[in-house]
Amino acid sequence: MTTLYDFTVTAQDGTPVPLVDYTGKVVLIVNTATGCGLTPQYEGLQTLYDRYKDQGFVILDFPCNQFMGQAPGSAEEINEFCTLNYQTTFPRFAKIKVNGKDAEPLYRWLKEEQKGALGKAIEWNFAKFLIDREGAVVKRFSAKSDPMEMVESIEALL
């Protein structure tokens, strides 16, 4: 059985990051954009991270420019925007594609594990996948789901 820990992603500096590094954590994976109407969700995501990080919770942020070009900046520009506007401190990775033939392998797996409103496709920026401590996808939240709506699900896994 495939788990989160079978994947390696790319850090913003281009180095590989094996997701086995997150073994034993409750993980929330989010495709993000800095120029989207849903971008203020960063505030709620940071609140969740601050509240639960000491209990083994982490958010993995994957910028994605596939939806109307709403994440156009460089890694430095995205980091600066997120730090200045939302004070984010959770891990952020290299920009990826989440749909289509060039979709990141991690996202191909996530979509197979939990379908959403559009079936396997990611519907928009800020789609969210909750992963348990064993590396299994347990729930998918839509792009429009407010991060605070995930509290009960996160707490159940912690």
C-alpha atoms as a PDB file:
ATOM      1  CA  MET A   1       0.000   0.000   0.000  1.00  0.00           C
ATOM      2  CA  THR A   2       1.316   3.408  -0.986  1.00  0.00           C
ATOM      3  CA  THR A   3       1.587   6.044   1.752  1.00  0.00           C
ATOM      4  CA  LEU A   4       2.700   9.651   1.980  1.00  0.00           C
ATOM      5  CA  TYR A   5       6.129   8.396   2.995  1.00  0.00           C
ATOM      6  CA  ASP A   6       6.729   6.842  -0.439  1.00  0.00           C
ATOM      7  CA  PHE A   7       7.055  10.270  -2.085  1.00  0.00           C
ATOM      8  CA  THR A   8       9.841  12.789  -2.455  1.00  0.00           C
ATOM      9  CA  VAL A   9       9.019  16.383  -3.342  1.00  0.00           C
ATOM     10  CA  THR A  10      11.143  19.365  -4.251  1.00  0.00           C
ATOM     11  CA  ALA A  11      12.072  22.130  -1.825  1.00  0.00           C
ATOM     12  CA  GLN A  12      11.986  25.707  -3.024  1.00  0.00           C
ATOM     13  CA  ASP A  13      15.757  25.607  -3.512  1.00  0.00           C
ATOM     14  CA  GLY A  14      15.441  22.564  -5.791  1.00  0.00           C
ATOM     15  CA  THR A  15      16.673  19.960  -3.315  1.00  0.00           C
ATOM     16  CA  PRO A  16      14.722  16.730  -2.799  1.00  0.00           C
ATOM     17  CA  VAL A  17      12.658  16.349   0.377  1.00  0.00           C
ATOM     18  CA  PRO A  18      11.641  12.784   1.246  1.00  0.00           C
ATOM     19  CA  LEU A  19       8.217  12.879   2.872  1.00  0.00           C
ATOM     20  CA  VAL A  20       9.308  10.037   5.131  1.00  0.00           C
ATOM     21  CA  ASP A  21      10.719  12.989   7.121  1.00  0.00           C
ATOM     22  CA  TYR A  22       7.124  13.551   8.295  1.00  0.00           C
ATOM     23  CA  THR A  23       6.597  10.016   9.620  1.00  0.00           C
ATOM     24  CA  GLY A  24       4.304   9.977  12.636  1.00  0.00           C
ATOM     25  CA  LYS A  25       2.859  13.436  11.992  1.00  0.00           C
ATOM     26  CA  VAL A  26      -0.670  14.450  11.084  1.00  0.00           C
ATOM     27  CA  VAL A  27      -0.176  16.268   7.779  1.00  0.00           C
ATOM     28  CA  LEU A  28      -2.347  18.734   5.898  1.00  0.00           C
ATOM     29  CA  ILE A  29      -1.336  19.191   2.249  1.00  0.00           C
ATOM     30  CA  VAL A  30      -2.583  22.323   0.478  1.00  0.00           C
ATOM     31  CA  ASN A  31      -2.095  23.703  -3.042  1.00  0.00           C
ATOM     32  CA  THR A  32      -1.897  27.460  -2.649  1.00  0.00           C
ATOM     33  CA  ALA A  33      -1.800  30.719  -4.593  1.00  0.00           C
ATOM     34  CA  THR A  34      -0.934  34.226  -3.509  1.00  0.00           C
ATOM     35  CA  GLY A  35      -3.280  36.074  -5.882  1.00  0.00           C
ATOM     36  CA  CYS A  36      -6.501  34.167  -5.306  1.00  0.00           C
ATOM     37  CA  GLY A  37      -9.726  35.216  -3.623  1.00  0.00           C
ATOM     38  CA  LEU A  38      -9.118  32.307  -1.237  1.00  0.00           C
ATOM     39  CA  THR A  39      -5.605  33.484  -0.291  1.00  0.00           C
ATOM     40  CA  PRO A  40      -6.847  34.806   3.094  1.00  0.00           C
ATOM     41  CA  GLN A  41      -7.148  31.122   4.073  1.00  0.00           C
ATOM     42  CA  TYR A  42      -3.428  31.395   4.869  1.00  0.00           C
ATOM     43  CA  GLU A  43      -4.497  33.113   8.099  1.00  0.00           C
ATOM     44  CA  GLY A  44      -6.610  30.150   9.219  1.00  0.00           C
ATOM     45  CA  LEU A  45      -3.954  27.674   8.112  1.00  0.00           C
ATOM     46  CA  GLN A  46      -1.352  29.464  10.219  1.00  0.00           C
ATOM     47  CA  THR A  47      -3.752  29.478  13.187  1.00  0.00           C
ATOM     48  CA  LEU A  48      -4.150  25.692  12.867  1.00  0.00           C
ATOM     49  CA  TYR A  49      -0.403  25.210  12.549  1.00  0.00           C
ATOM     50  CA  ASP A  50       0.328  27.346  15.611  1.00  0.00           C
ATOM     51  CA  ARG A  51      -2.341  25.568  17.631  1.00  0.00           C
ATOM     52  CA  TYR A  52      -1.338  21.979  16.823  1.00  0.00           C
ATOM     53  CA  LYS A  53       2.309  21.885  15.671  1.00  0.00           C
ATOM     54  CA  ASP A  54       3.551  20.896  19.133  1.00  0.00           C
ATOM     55  CA  GLN A  55       1.174  17.910  19.042  1.00  0.00           C
ATOM     56  CA  GLY A  56       2.641  16.544  15.804  1.00  0.00           C
ATOM     57  CA  PHE A  57       0.688  18.487  13.167  1.00  0.00           C
ATOM     58  CA  VAL A  58       2.267  20.020  10.074  1.00  0.00           C
ATOM     59  CA  ILE A  59       1.013  21.807   6.975  1.00  0.00           C
ATOM     60  CA  LEU A  60       2.798  21.293   3.662  1.00  0.00           C
ATOM     61  CA  ASP A  61       2.248  24.205   1.277  1.00  0.00           C
ATOM     62  CA  PHE A  62       2.565  23.585  -2.465  1.00  0.00           C
ATOM     63  CA  PRO A  63       2.204  26.784  -4.528  1.00  0.00           C
ATOM     64  CA  CYS A  64       0.452  26.140  -7.842  1.00  0.00           C
ATOM     65  CA  ASN A  65       0.022  28.507 -10.779  1.00  0.00           C
ATOM     66  CA  GLN A  66      -2.433  26.327 -12.750  1.00  0.00           C
ATOM     67  CA  PHE A  67      -5.598  28.195 -11.829  1.00  0.00           C
ATOM     68  CA  MET A  68      -5.770  31.467 -13.786  1.00  0.00           C
ATOM     69  CA  GLY A  69      -2.086  32.177 -13.064  1.00  0.00           C
ATOM     70  CA  GLN A  70      -2.776  33.158  -9.469  1.00  0.00           C
ATOM     71  CA  ALA A  71       0.671  32.125  -8.108  1.00  0.00           C
ATOM     72  CA  PRO A  72       2.962  33.825 -10.621  1.00  0.00           C
ATOM     73  CA  GLY A  73       5.876  34.798  -8.405  1.00  0.00           C
ATOM     74  CA  SER A  74       9.249  33.261  -7.709  1.00  0.00           C
ATOM     75  CA  ALA A  75       9.797  31.243  -4.532  1.00  0.00           C
ATOM     76  CA  GLU A  76      11.287  34.342  -2.897  1.00  0.00           C
ATOM     77  CA  GLU A  77       8.312  36.508  -3.895  1.00  0.00           C
ATOM     78  CA  ILE A  78       5.807  33.924  -2.655  1.00  0.00           C
ATOM     79  CA  ASN A  79       7.655  33.562   0.658  1.00  0.00           C
ATOM     80  CA  GLU A  80       7.868  37.310   1.119  1.00  0.00           C
ATOM     81  CA  PHE A  81       4.158  37.734   0.396  1.00  0.00           C
ATOM     82  CA  CYS A  82       3.140  34.939   2.795  1.00  0.00           C
ATOM     83  CA  THR A  83       5.473  36.092   5.552  1.00  0.00           C
ATOM     84  CA  LEU A  84       4.551  39.766   5.342  1.00  0.00           C
ATOM     85  CA  ASN A  85       0.802  39.326   4.876  1.00  0.00           C
ATOM     86  CA  TYR A  86       0.014  36.157   6.831  1.00  0.00           C
ATOM     87  CA  GLN A  87       3.141  35.456   8.944  1.00  0.00           C
ATOM     88  CA  THR A  88       3.210  31.844   7.729  1.00  0.00           C
ATOM     89  CA  THR A  89       5.834  29.551   9.223  1.00  0.00           C
ATOM     90  CA  PHE A  90       4.810  26.104   7.953  1.00  0.00           C
ATOM     91  CA  PRO A  91       6.912  24.376   5.268  1.00  0.00           C
ATOM     92  CA  ARG A  92       6.495  25.599   1.690  1.00  0.00           C
ATOM     93  CA  PHE A  93       7.797  23.707  -1.332  1.00  0.00           C
ATOM     94  CA  ALA A  94       8.578  24.372  -4.990  1.00  0.00           C
ATOM     95  CA  LYS A  95       5.728  25.398  -7.255  1.00  0.00           C
ATOM     96  CA  ILE A  96       3.987  22.361  -8.774  1.00  0.00           C
ATOM     97  CA  LYS A  97       1.189  21.310 -11.089  1.00  0.00           C
ATOM     98  CA  VAL A  98      -1.708  19.455  -9.474  1.00  0.00           C
ATOM     99  CA  ASN A  99      -3.732  18.507 -12.565  1.00  0.00           C
ATOM    100  CA  GLY A 100      -2.925  17.208 -16.025  1.00  0.00           C
ATOM    101  CA  LYS A 101      -0.170  15.034 -17.424  1.00  0.00           C
ATOM    102  CA  ASP A 102       2.530  17.006 -15.592  1.00  0.00           C
ATOM    103  CA  ALA A 103       0.851  16.768 -12.183  1.00  0.00           C
ATOM    104  CA  GLU A 104       3.189  16.134  -9.274  1.00  0.00           C
ATOM    105  CA  PRO A 105       3.208  12.370  -8.462  1.00  0.00           C
ATOM    106  CA  LEU A 106       2.201  13.175  -4.875  1.00  0.00           C
ATOM    107  CA  TYR A 107      -0.919  14.903  -6.175  1.00  0.00           C
ATOM    108  CA  ARG A 108      -1.754  12.064  -8.551  1.00  0.00           C
ATOM    109  CA  TRP A 109      -1.769   9.765  -5.518  1.00  0.00           C
ATOM    110  CA  LEU A 110      -3.739  12.171  -3.307  1.00  0.00           C
ATOM    111  CA  LYS A 111      -6.459  12.488  -5.962  1.00  0.00           C
ATOM    112  CA  GLU A 112      -6.675   8.701  -6.358  1.00  0.00           C
ATOM    113  CA  GLU A 113      -7.074   8.296  -2.612  1.00  0.00           C
ATOM    114  CA  GLN A 114      -9.767  10.958  -2.098  1.00  0.00           C
ATOM    115  CA  LYS A 115     -11.918  12.259  -4.914  1.00  0.00           C
ATOM    116  CA  GLY A 116     -13.525  15.686  -4.726  1.00  0.00           C
ATOM    117  CA  ALA A 117     -16.341  17.655  -6.326  1.00  0.00           C
ATOM    118  CA  LEU A 118     -14.754  17.240  -9.774  1.00  0.00           C
ATOM    119  CA  GLY A 119     -13.818  13.608  -9.270  1.00  0.00           C
ATOM    120  CA  LYS A 120     -10.060  13.224  -9.283  1.00  0.00           C
ATOM    121  CA  ALA A 121      -9.298  16.771 -10.453  1.00  0.00           C
ATOM    122  CA  ILE A 122      -8.263  19.501  -8.047  1.00  0.00           C
ATOM    123  CA  GLU A 123     -10.994  22.107  -8.388  1.00  0.00           C
ATOM    124  CA  TRP A 124      -9.039  25.237  -7.438  1.00  0.00           C
ATOM    125  CA  ASN A 125      -6.387  26.744  -5.193  1.00  0.00           C
ATOM    126  CA  PHE A 126      -6.528  25.707  -1.524  1.00  0.00           C
ATOM    127  CA  ALA A 127      -7.845  22.150  -1.924  1.00  0.00           C
ATOM    128  CA  LYS A 128      -6.750  20.314   1.222  1.00  0.00           C
ATOM    129  CA  PHE A 129      -5.823  16.704   2.037  1.00  0.00           C
ATOM    130  CA  LEU A 130      -5.580  15.443   5.607  1.00  0.00           C
ATOM    131  CA  ILE A 131      -3.125  12.598   6.223  1.00  0.00           C
ATOM    132  CA  ASP A 132      -2.981  10.458   9.381  1.00  0.00           C
ATOM    133  CA  ARG A 133       0.111   9.483  11.375  1.00  0.00           C
ATOM    134  CA  GLU A 134       0.500   6.316   9.269  1.00  0.00           C
ATOM    135  CA  GLY A 135       0.706   8.304   6.020  1.00  0.00           C
ATOM    136  CA  ALA A 136      -2.795   7.484   4.735  1.00  0.00           C
ATOM    137  CA  VAL A 137      -5.143  10.081   3.227  1.00  0.00           C
ATOM    138  CA  VAL A 138      -8.200  10.259   5.470  1.00  0.00           C
ATOM    139  CA  LYS A 139     -10.111  13.252   4.162  1.00  0.00           C
ATOM    140  CA  ARG A 140     -10.240  15.790   1.352  1.00  0.00           C
ATOM    141  CA  PHE A 141     -11.560  19.285   1.934  1.00  0.00           C
ATOM    142  CA  SER A 142     -12.688  21.533  -0.897  1.00  0.00           C
ATOM    143  CA  ALA A 143     -10.887  24.706  -1.856  1.00  0.00           C
ATOM    144  CA  LYS A 144     -13.699  26.735  -0.308  1.00  0.00           C
ATOM    145  CA  SER A 145     -13.532  24.920   3.046  1.00  0.00           C
ATOM    146  CA  ASP A 146     -12.468  27.310   5.754  1.00  0.00           C
ATOM    147  CA  PRO A 147      -9.419  25.928   7.568  1.00  0.00           C
ATOM    148  CA  MET A 148     -11.218  26.207  10.905  1.00  0.00           C
ATOM    149  CA  GLU A 149     -13.796  23.688   9.630  1.00  0.00           C
ATOM    150  CA  MET A 150     -11.034  21.068   9.864  1.00  0.00           C
ATOM    151  CA  VAL A 151     -10.442  21.378  13.622  1.00  0.00           C
ATOM    152  CA  GLU A 152     -12.545  18.349  14.590  1.00  0.00           C
ATOM    153  CA  SER A 153     -10.927  16.144  11.949  1.00  0.00           C
ATOM    154  CA  ILE A 154      -7.414  17.241  12.934  1.00  0.00           C
ATOM    155  CA  GLU A 155      -8.050  16.758  16.631  1.00  0.00           C
ATOM    156  CA  ALA A 156      -9.433  13.256  16.004  1.00  0.00           C
ATOM    157  CA  LEU A 157      -6.107  12.283  14.409  1.00  0.00           C
ATOM    158  CA  LEU A 158      -3.903  13.929  17.012  1.00  0.00           C
END
